[in-house]
Amino acid sequence: MPSANSSAAAEPFSWLLLALLLLLASMPASAADEPVLAGRVTRVIDGDTLDVLLASGRIRVRLHGVDAPERDQSSGREASDWLRQRVQDREVLLEPVSQDRYERMVAIVLLDDANVNRELLRAGHAWAYRSYLRRTERIYCDIEATARRGRLGLWGGATAHAPWEHRRTQGRGPFTDFSRQSAAECWRQRRKT
């Protein structure tokens, strides 16, 4: 038979366990489920690719869900410059999504509380990368459409050519005119490109 003292000793443990469970239940699912890596950006390769120094060493990171113009495309340099100004030599968090065929980590890059991938789109320096959007990422098409309507970044000049078409045709075309595409059309196209 337990003594009164053993019951009293177990009570603080019960409260501590209850508090811990409540804390875990209140955490956002992404914070509990997604691994996050911390590192410092050492180099911006282009508008959607970075080198990041982690505690385990340097890795190349491709921003998930966005496709910036290539360096030899119109607005390619502007996209790279925008990204460099935001993240060069800064501490970032990486939410890994996958690894691409070039063995780069594909990730969501977080700077302070900002999602850099989305901010690149919001500034008009990238396209929503339709082929790689996950079902929960329709917002990428919405952000691109808003930047297009506002004529921001690459949407402010001559007709922009999708980077994936530029790569596939080695810059010769033909190119699809996306200048009037709605967010809904972008989303429907995500598996076709």
Foldseek 3Di string as FASTA:
>chain_A
DDDPVVVVVCVVVVVVVVVVVVVVVPDDPCVVPFDKFKFAFADQPWLFKTWTQGPVGIAIEGEPQWAFADPPFVLGRVSSVVVCVVGHRAMWMWGFDDADPVRHTHTFIGGPNDGVRLVSLLQVRTAGQLQGDDPVVLVRLVSNQVCLVVCGRPNVDPQGFHRVQCVVVVNPDDGDRCSPPHSVNSNVCSNVD
